[in-house]
N, C-alpha and C. Protein backbone atom coordinates (compact mmCIF):
# COMPACT_ATOMS: atom_id res chain seq x y z
N UNK A 1 80.92 115.74 90.01
CA UNK A 1 81.89 116.67 90.53
C UNK A 1 81.30 118.07 90.48
N UNK A 2 81.44 118.81 91.55
CA UNK A 2 81.01 120.20 91.61
C UNK A 2 82.25 121.07 91.50
N UNK A 3 82.20 122.03 90.61
CA UNK A 3 83.35 122.90 90.43
C UNK A 3 83.02 124.30 90.90
N UNK A 4 84.04 125.00 91.34
CA UNK A 4 83.83 126.32 91.90
C UNK A 4 83.75 127.38 90.81
N UNK A 5 83.37 128.59 91.21
CA UNK A 5 83.24 129.71 90.28
C UNK A 5 84.54 129.98 89.53
N UNK A 6 85.67 129.83 90.17
CA UNK A 6 86.95 130.18 89.56
C UNK A 6 87.62 128.99 88.89
N UNK A 7 86.98 127.84 88.91
CA UNK A 7 87.61 126.64 88.38
C UNK A 7 87.86 126.76 86.88
N UNK A 8 88.95 126.16 86.45
CA UNK A 8 89.29 126.08 85.03
C UNK A 8 89.40 124.60 84.70
N UNK A 9 88.66 124.17 83.71
CA UNK A 9 88.80 122.80 83.24
C UNK A 9 89.43 122.84 81.85
N UNK A 10 90.14 121.78 81.53
CA UNK A 10 90.73 121.70 80.20
C UNK A 10 89.67 121.36 79.16
N UNK A 11 88.81 120.40 79.50
CA UNK A 11 87.82 119.91 78.54
C UNK A 11 86.45 119.82 79.20
N UNK A 12 85.46 120.43 78.54
CA UNK A 12 84.07 120.21 78.92
C UNK A 12 83.55 119.15 77.96
N UNK A 13 83.19 118.00 78.49
CA UNK A 13 82.76 116.84 77.72
C UNK A 13 81.25 116.68 77.84
N UNK A 14 80.54 116.74 76.71
CA UNK A 14 79.09 116.63 76.72
C UNK A 14 78.71 115.39 75.92
N UNK A 15 78.20 114.39 76.62
CA UNK A 15 77.85 113.10 76.02
C UNK A 15 76.70 112.51 76.83
N UNK A 16 75.59 112.18 76.16
CA UNK A 16 74.43 111.68 76.89
C UNK A 16 74.54 110.22 77.32
N UNK A 17 75.41 109.45 76.70
CA UNK A 17 75.59 108.05 77.08
C UNK A 17 76.59 107.99 78.24
N UNK A 18 76.11 107.57 79.40
CA UNK A 18 76.94 107.57 80.61
C UNK A 18 78.22 106.76 80.44
N UNK A 19 78.11 105.58 79.85
CA UNK A 19 79.28 104.72 79.69
C UNK A 19 80.32 105.37 78.76
N UNK A 20 79.87 105.91 77.65
CA UNK A 20 80.78 106.58 76.71
C UNK A 20 81.42 107.79 77.39
N UNK A 21 80.61 108.60 78.07
CA UNK A 21 81.14 109.79 78.76
C UNK A 21 82.18 109.39 79.80
N UNK A 22 81.90 108.35 80.58
CA UNK A 22 82.84 107.91 81.61
C UNK A 22 84.14 107.39 81.01
N UNK A 23 84.05 106.62 79.93
CA UNK A 23 85.25 106.08 79.27
C UNK A 23 86.10 107.21 78.67
N UNK A 24 85.45 108.16 78.01
CA UNK A 24 86.19 109.28 77.43
C UNK A 24 86.82 110.13 78.52
N UNK A 25 86.07 110.40 79.57
CA UNK A 25 86.59 111.21 80.68
C UNK A 25 87.80 110.53 81.32
N UNK A 26 87.72 109.22 81.49
CA UNK A 26 88.85 108.50 82.08
C UNK A 26 90.09 108.57 81.18
N UNK A 27 89.90 108.40 79.88
CA UNK A 27 91.03 108.47 78.94
C UNK A 27 91.65 109.87 78.95
N UNK A 28 90.82 110.90 78.97
CA UNK A 28 91.34 112.27 78.99
C UNK A 28 92.02 112.59 80.31
N UNK A 29 91.44 112.11 81.40
CA UNK A 29 92.05 112.30 82.72
C UNK A 29 93.41 111.60 82.78
N UNK A 30 93.48 110.38 82.24
CA UNK A 30 94.74 109.63 82.22
C UNK A 30 95.81 110.36 81.41
N UNK A 31 95.38 111.19 80.45
CA UNK A 31 96.31 111.98 79.64
C UNK A 31 96.70 113.29 80.34
N UNK A 32 96.19 113.48 81.56
CA UNK A 32 96.57 114.65 82.34
C UNK A 32 95.66 115.85 82.20
N UNK A 33 94.48 115.66 81.62
CA UNK A 33 93.55 116.77 81.42
C UNK A 33 92.52 116.82 82.54
N UNK A 34 92.12 118.04 82.92
CA UNK A 34 91.02 118.22 83.87
C UNK A 34 89.72 118.23 83.08
N UNK A 35 88.78 117.40 83.49
CA UNK A 35 87.55 117.18 82.74
C UNK A 35 86.34 117.55 83.58
N UNK A 36 85.36 118.15 82.94
CA UNK A 36 84.02 118.31 83.51
C UNK A 36 83.08 117.66 82.53
N UNK A 37 82.28 116.73 82.98
CA UNK A 37 81.36 116.02 82.10
C UNK A 37 79.92 116.41 82.35
N UNK A 38 79.14 116.45 81.28
CA UNK A 38 77.70 116.72 81.37
C UNK A 38 76.96 115.77 80.45
N UNK A 39 75.74 115.43 80.84
CA UNK A 39 74.92 114.51 80.04
C UNK A 39 74.05 115.23 79.02
N UNK A 40 73.95 116.56 79.13
CA UNK A 40 73.09 117.30 78.20
C UNK A 40 73.66 118.69 77.94
N UNK A 41 73.24 119.26 76.84
CA UNK A 41 73.64 120.62 76.52
C UNK A 41 73.15 121.61 77.55
N UNK A 42 71.93 121.40 78.02
CA UNK A 42 71.36 122.32 79.00
C UNK A 42 72.18 122.33 80.30
N UNK A 43 72.56 121.14 80.78
CA UNK A 43 73.36 121.05 82.00
C UNK A 43 74.75 121.67 81.78
N UNK A 44 75.32 121.43 80.61
CA UNK A 44 76.64 121.98 80.30
C UNK A 44 76.61 123.50 80.22
N UNK A 45 75.52 124.06 79.71
CA UNK A 45 75.41 125.53 79.66
C UNK A 45 75.42 126.14 81.05
N UNK A 46 74.79 125.46 82.01
CA UNK A 46 74.82 125.96 83.39
C UNK A 46 76.26 125.97 83.91
N UNK A 47 77.03 124.95 83.56
CA UNK A 47 78.44 124.91 83.97
C UNK A 47 79.19 126.07 83.33
N UNK A 48 79.00 126.26 82.02
CA UNK A 48 79.72 127.32 81.31
C UNK A 48 79.42 128.71 81.84
N UNK A 49 78.25 128.91 82.38
CA UNK A 49 77.87 130.24 82.87
C UNK A 49 78.48 130.56 84.22
N UNK A 50 79.04 129.55 84.89
CA UNK A 50 79.59 129.81 86.21
C UNK A 50 81.09 129.60 86.33
N UNK A 51 81.74 129.20 85.25
CA UNK A 51 83.17 128.94 85.33
C UNK A 51 83.92 129.68 84.23
N UNK A 52 85.24 129.73 84.39
CA UNK A 52 86.11 130.23 83.34
C UNK A 52 85.98 129.30 82.15
N UNK A 53 86.14 129.83 80.95
CA UNK A 53 85.98 129.03 79.74
C UNK A 53 86.92 127.83 79.75
N UNK A 54 86.41 126.65 79.38
CA UNK A 54 87.31 125.51 79.23
C UNK A 54 88.21 125.75 78.02
N UNK A 55 89.29 125.01 77.96
CA UNK A 55 90.18 125.14 76.82
C UNK A 55 89.54 124.58 75.55
N UNK A 56 88.74 123.52 75.71
CA UNK A 56 88.11 122.84 74.58
C UNK A 56 86.76 122.27 75.00
N UNK A 57 85.83 122.30 74.08
CA UNK A 57 84.54 121.64 74.24
C UNK A 57 84.54 120.39 73.37
N UNK A 58 84.20 119.25 73.96
CA UNK A 58 84.00 118.01 73.20
C UNK A 58 82.54 117.65 73.38
N UNK A 59 81.78 117.61 72.28
CA UNK A 59 80.35 117.32 72.39
C UNK A 59 79.89 116.33 71.36
N UNK A 60 79.07 115.40 71.82
CA UNK A 60 78.36 114.51 70.92
C UNK A 60 77.36 115.36 70.15
N UNK A 61 77.06 115.00 68.93
CA UNK A 61 76.06 115.75 68.15
C UNK A 61 74.66 115.35 68.57
N UNK A 62 74.41 114.06 68.72
CA UNK A 62 73.09 113.59 69.10
C UNK A 62 73.06 113.41 70.62
N UNK A 63 72.42 114.36 71.30
CA UNK A 63 72.38 114.34 72.76
C UNK A 63 71.04 113.87 73.32
N UNK A 64 70.26 113.17 72.52
CA UNK A 64 68.97 112.70 73.01
C UNK A 64 67.97 113.84 73.03
N UNK A 65 67.21 113.94 74.11
CA UNK A 65 66.19 114.99 74.23
C UNK A 65 66.85 116.33 74.49
N UNK A 66 66.19 117.39 74.09
CA UNK A 66 66.73 118.73 74.30
C UNK A 66 67.58 119.15 73.12
N UNK A 67 68.46 120.10 73.36
CA UNK A 67 69.28 120.62 72.27
C UNK A 67 70.31 119.59 71.83
N UNK A 68 70.65 119.64 70.54
CA UNK A 68 71.70 118.75 70.05
C UNK A 68 73.06 119.42 70.25
N UNK A 69 74.12 118.70 69.92
CA UNK A 69 75.47 119.21 70.14
C UNK A 69 75.81 120.43 69.32
N UNK A 70 75.23 120.53 68.11
CA UNK A 70 75.49 121.70 67.27
C UNK A 70 74.87 122.95 67.89
N UNK A 71 73.63 122.83 68.36
CA UNK A 71 72.96 123.96 69.02
C UNK A 71 73.68 124.31 70.32
N UNK A 72 74.11 123.29 71.05
CA UNK A 72 74.83 123.54 72.28
C UNK A 72 76.13 124.31 72.02
N UNK A 73 76.89 123.89 71.00
CA UNK A 73 78.15 124.57 70.69
C UNK A 73 77.91 126.04 70.33
N UNK A 74 76.84 126.31 69.57
CA UNK A 74 76.52 127.71 69.25
C UNK A 74 76.22 128.50 70.52
N UNK A 75 75.42 127.91 71.40
CA UNK A 75 75.07 128.59 72.66
C UNK A 75 76.31 128.76 73.54
N UNK A 76 77.18 127.76 73.55
CA UNK A 76 78.41 127.85 74.35
C UNK A 76 79.30 128.97 73.86
N UNK A 77 79.33 129.17 72.56
CA UNK A 77 80.16 130.24 71.99
C UNK A 77 79.55 131.62 72.22
N UNK A 78 78.28 131.69 72.54
CA UNK A 78 77.70 132.97 72.95
C UNK A 78 78.21 133.35 74.33
N UNK A 79 78.43 132.35 75.17
CA UNK A 79 78.95 132.58 76.52
C UNK A 79 80.46 132.79 76.48
N UNK A 80 81.15 131.97 75.69
CA UNK A 80 82.62 132.04 75.58
C UNK A 80 82.99 132.05 74.09
N UNK A 81 82.99 133.23 73.45
CA UNK A 81 83.30 133.31 72.02
C UNK A 81 84.67 132.71 71.70
N UNK A 82 84.74 132.04 70.56
CA UNK A 82 85.99 131.45 70.11
C UNK A 82 86.34 130.12 70.74
N UNK A 83 85.44 129.57 71.53
CA UNK A 83 85.69 128.29 72.20
C UNK A 83 85.93 127.19 71.16
N UNK A 84 87.08 126.50 71.21
CA UNK A 84 87.33 125.40 70.27
C UNK A 84 86.40 124.21 70.56
N UNK A 85 85.97 123.54 69.49
CA UNK A 85 85.00 122.44 69.63
C UNK A 85 85.44 121.22 68.85
N UNK A 86 85.34 120.06 69.50
CA UNK A 86 85.48 118.77 68.83
C UNK A 86 84.11 118.11 68.90
N UNK A 87 83.50 117.90 67.73
CA UNK A 87 82.20 117.22 67.64
C UNK A 87 82.47 115.73 67.47
N UNK A 88 81.66 114.91 68.14
CA UNK A 88 81.76 113.46 67.99
C UNK A 88 80.38 112.90 67.69
N UNK A 89 80.34 111.80 66.93
CA UNK A 89 79.05 111.22 66.62
C UNK A 89 79.19 109.79 66.11
N UNK A 90 78.28 108.95 66.53
CA UNK A 90 78.18 107.60 66.00
C UNK A 90 77.17 107.52 64.88
N UNK A 91 76.48 108.61 64.63
CA UNK A 91 75.42 108.65 63.62
C UNK A 91 75.89 109.23 62.30
N UNK A 92 76.83 110.15 62.33
CA UNK A 92 77.28 110.84 61.13
C UNK A 92 78.70 110.41 60.76
N UNK A 93 78.95 110.28 59.46
CA UNK A 93 80.29 109.91 58.99
C UNK A 93 81.18 111.12 58.79
N UNK A 94 80.56 112.27 58.54
CA UNK A 94 81.32 113.50 58.36
C UNK A 94 80.45 114.68 58.73
N UNK A 95 81.10 115.81 58.90
CA UNK A 95 80.42 117.05 59.23
C UNK A 95 81.09 118.14 58.42
N UNK A 96 80.32 118.82 57.60
CA UNK A 96 80.88 119.84 56.70
C UNK A 96 80.75 121.23 57.28
N UNK A 97 81.57 122.14 56.73
CA UNK A 97 81.48 123.55 57.10
C UNK A 97 82.16 123.89 58.41
N UNK A 98 83.12 123.08 58.84
CA UNK A 98 83.80 123.35 60.09
C UNK A 98 84.85 124.44 59.92
N UNK A 99 85.08 125.18 60.98
CA UNK A 99 86.12 126.21 60.97
C UNK A 99 87.44 125.62 61.44
N UNK A 100 88.46 126.41 61.48
CA UNK A 100 89.77 125.97 61.95
C UNK A 100 89.80 125.56 63.41
N UNK A 101 88.85 126.06 64.18
CA UNK A 101 88.80 125.73 65.62
C UNK A 101 87.76 124.68 65.92
N UNK A 102 87.42 123.87 64.89
CA UNK A 102 86.46 122.79 65.04
C UNK A 102 87.00 121.54 64.36
N UNK A 103 86.71 120.39 64.95
CA UNK A 103 87.03 119.10 64.35
C UNK A 103 85.83 118.18 64.54
N UNK A 104 85.80 117.15 63.72
CA UNK A 104 84.75 116.13 63.84
C UNK A 104 85.39 114.76 63.88
N UNK A 105 84.93 113.93 64.82
CA UNK A 105 85.38 112.55 64.91
C UNK A 105 84.18 111.61 64.87
N UNK A 106 84.13 110.71 63.87
CA UNK A 106 83.07 109.70 63.88
C UNK A 106 83.41 108.61 64.90
N UNK A 107 82.41 108.16 65.64
CA UNK A 107 82.62 107.05 66.58
C UNK A 107 82.60 105.75 65.78
N UNK A 108 83.37 104.78 66.18
CA UNK A 108 84.31 104.79 67.31
C UNK A 108 85.64 105.43 66.91
N UNK A 109 86.34 105.92 67.91
CA UNK A 109 87.67 106.49 67.71
C UNK A 109 88.51 106.12 68.92
N UNK A 110 89.82 106.26 68.78
CA UNK A 110 90.72 105.92 69.88
C UNK A 110 91.01 107.16 70.72
N UNK A 111 91.48 106.94 71.92
CA UNK A 111 91.85 108.05 72.79
C UNK A 111 92.94 108.92 72.16
N UNK A 112 93.98 108.32 71.54
CA UNK A 112 94.98 109.18 70.89
C UNK A 112 94.39 110.04 69.78
N UNK A 113 93.41 109.53 69.06
CA UNK A 113 92.76 110.32 68.00
C UNK A 113 92.03 111.51 68.61
N UNK A 114 91.33 111.29 69.71
CA UNK A 114 90.64 112.39 70.38
C UNK A 114 91.64 113.40 70.92
N UNK A 115 92.72 112.94 71.50
CA UNK A 115 93.74 113.85 72.04
C UNK A 115 94.36 114.69 70.93
N UNK A 116 94.60 114.09 69.75
CA UNK A 116 95.12 114.87 68.62
C UNK A 116 94.13 115.94 68.18
N UNK A 117 92.85 115.57 68.11
CA UNK A 117 91.82 116.55 67.71
C UNK A 117 91.74 117.69 68.73
N UNK A 118 91.83 117.38 70.01
CA UNK A 118 91.82 118.41 71.04
C UNK A 118 93.01 119.34 70.87
N UNK A 119 94.19 118.78 70.62
CA UNK A 119 95.39 119.61 70.41
C UNK A 119 95.25 120.44 69.14
N UNK A 120 94.71 119.85 68.08
CA UNK A 120 94.57 120.57 66.80
C UNK A 120 93.70 121.81 66.92
N UNK A 121 92.58 121.73 67.63
CA UNK A 121 91.67 122.87 67.70
C UNK A 121 92.20 124.00 68.58
N UNK A 122 93.22 123.70 69.35
CA UNK A 122 93.81 124.73 70.21
C UNK A 122 94.93 125.50 69.54
N UNK A 123 95.35 125.06 68.36
CA UNK A 123 96.46 125.74 67.70
C UNK A 123 95.97 126.67 66.62
């Protein structure tokens, strides 16, 4: 999907696994959210530089080659300070040092769990 300069998405989803990204995007879309998906932090940064800030960033921590999700979130917040982030990972059981506008979900998780985390970081 190509989005315009003025587009606003609810969730920017960054996940390198195509199947996982597609399943999560479908669940979020079914919940009424506008989604933009990216397979890498680098690609997602290009999106962030041309659009209005998304309401929430959902990023896998391990994104394969290139920057990881933690580095991507830091870079994303340089473009859009205060951007809420939900980190997801199948590799880590927990993530310490999170702020009030950050959550962590270990994979696997359910769509309602992700939706609650998205709502939590926005309040």
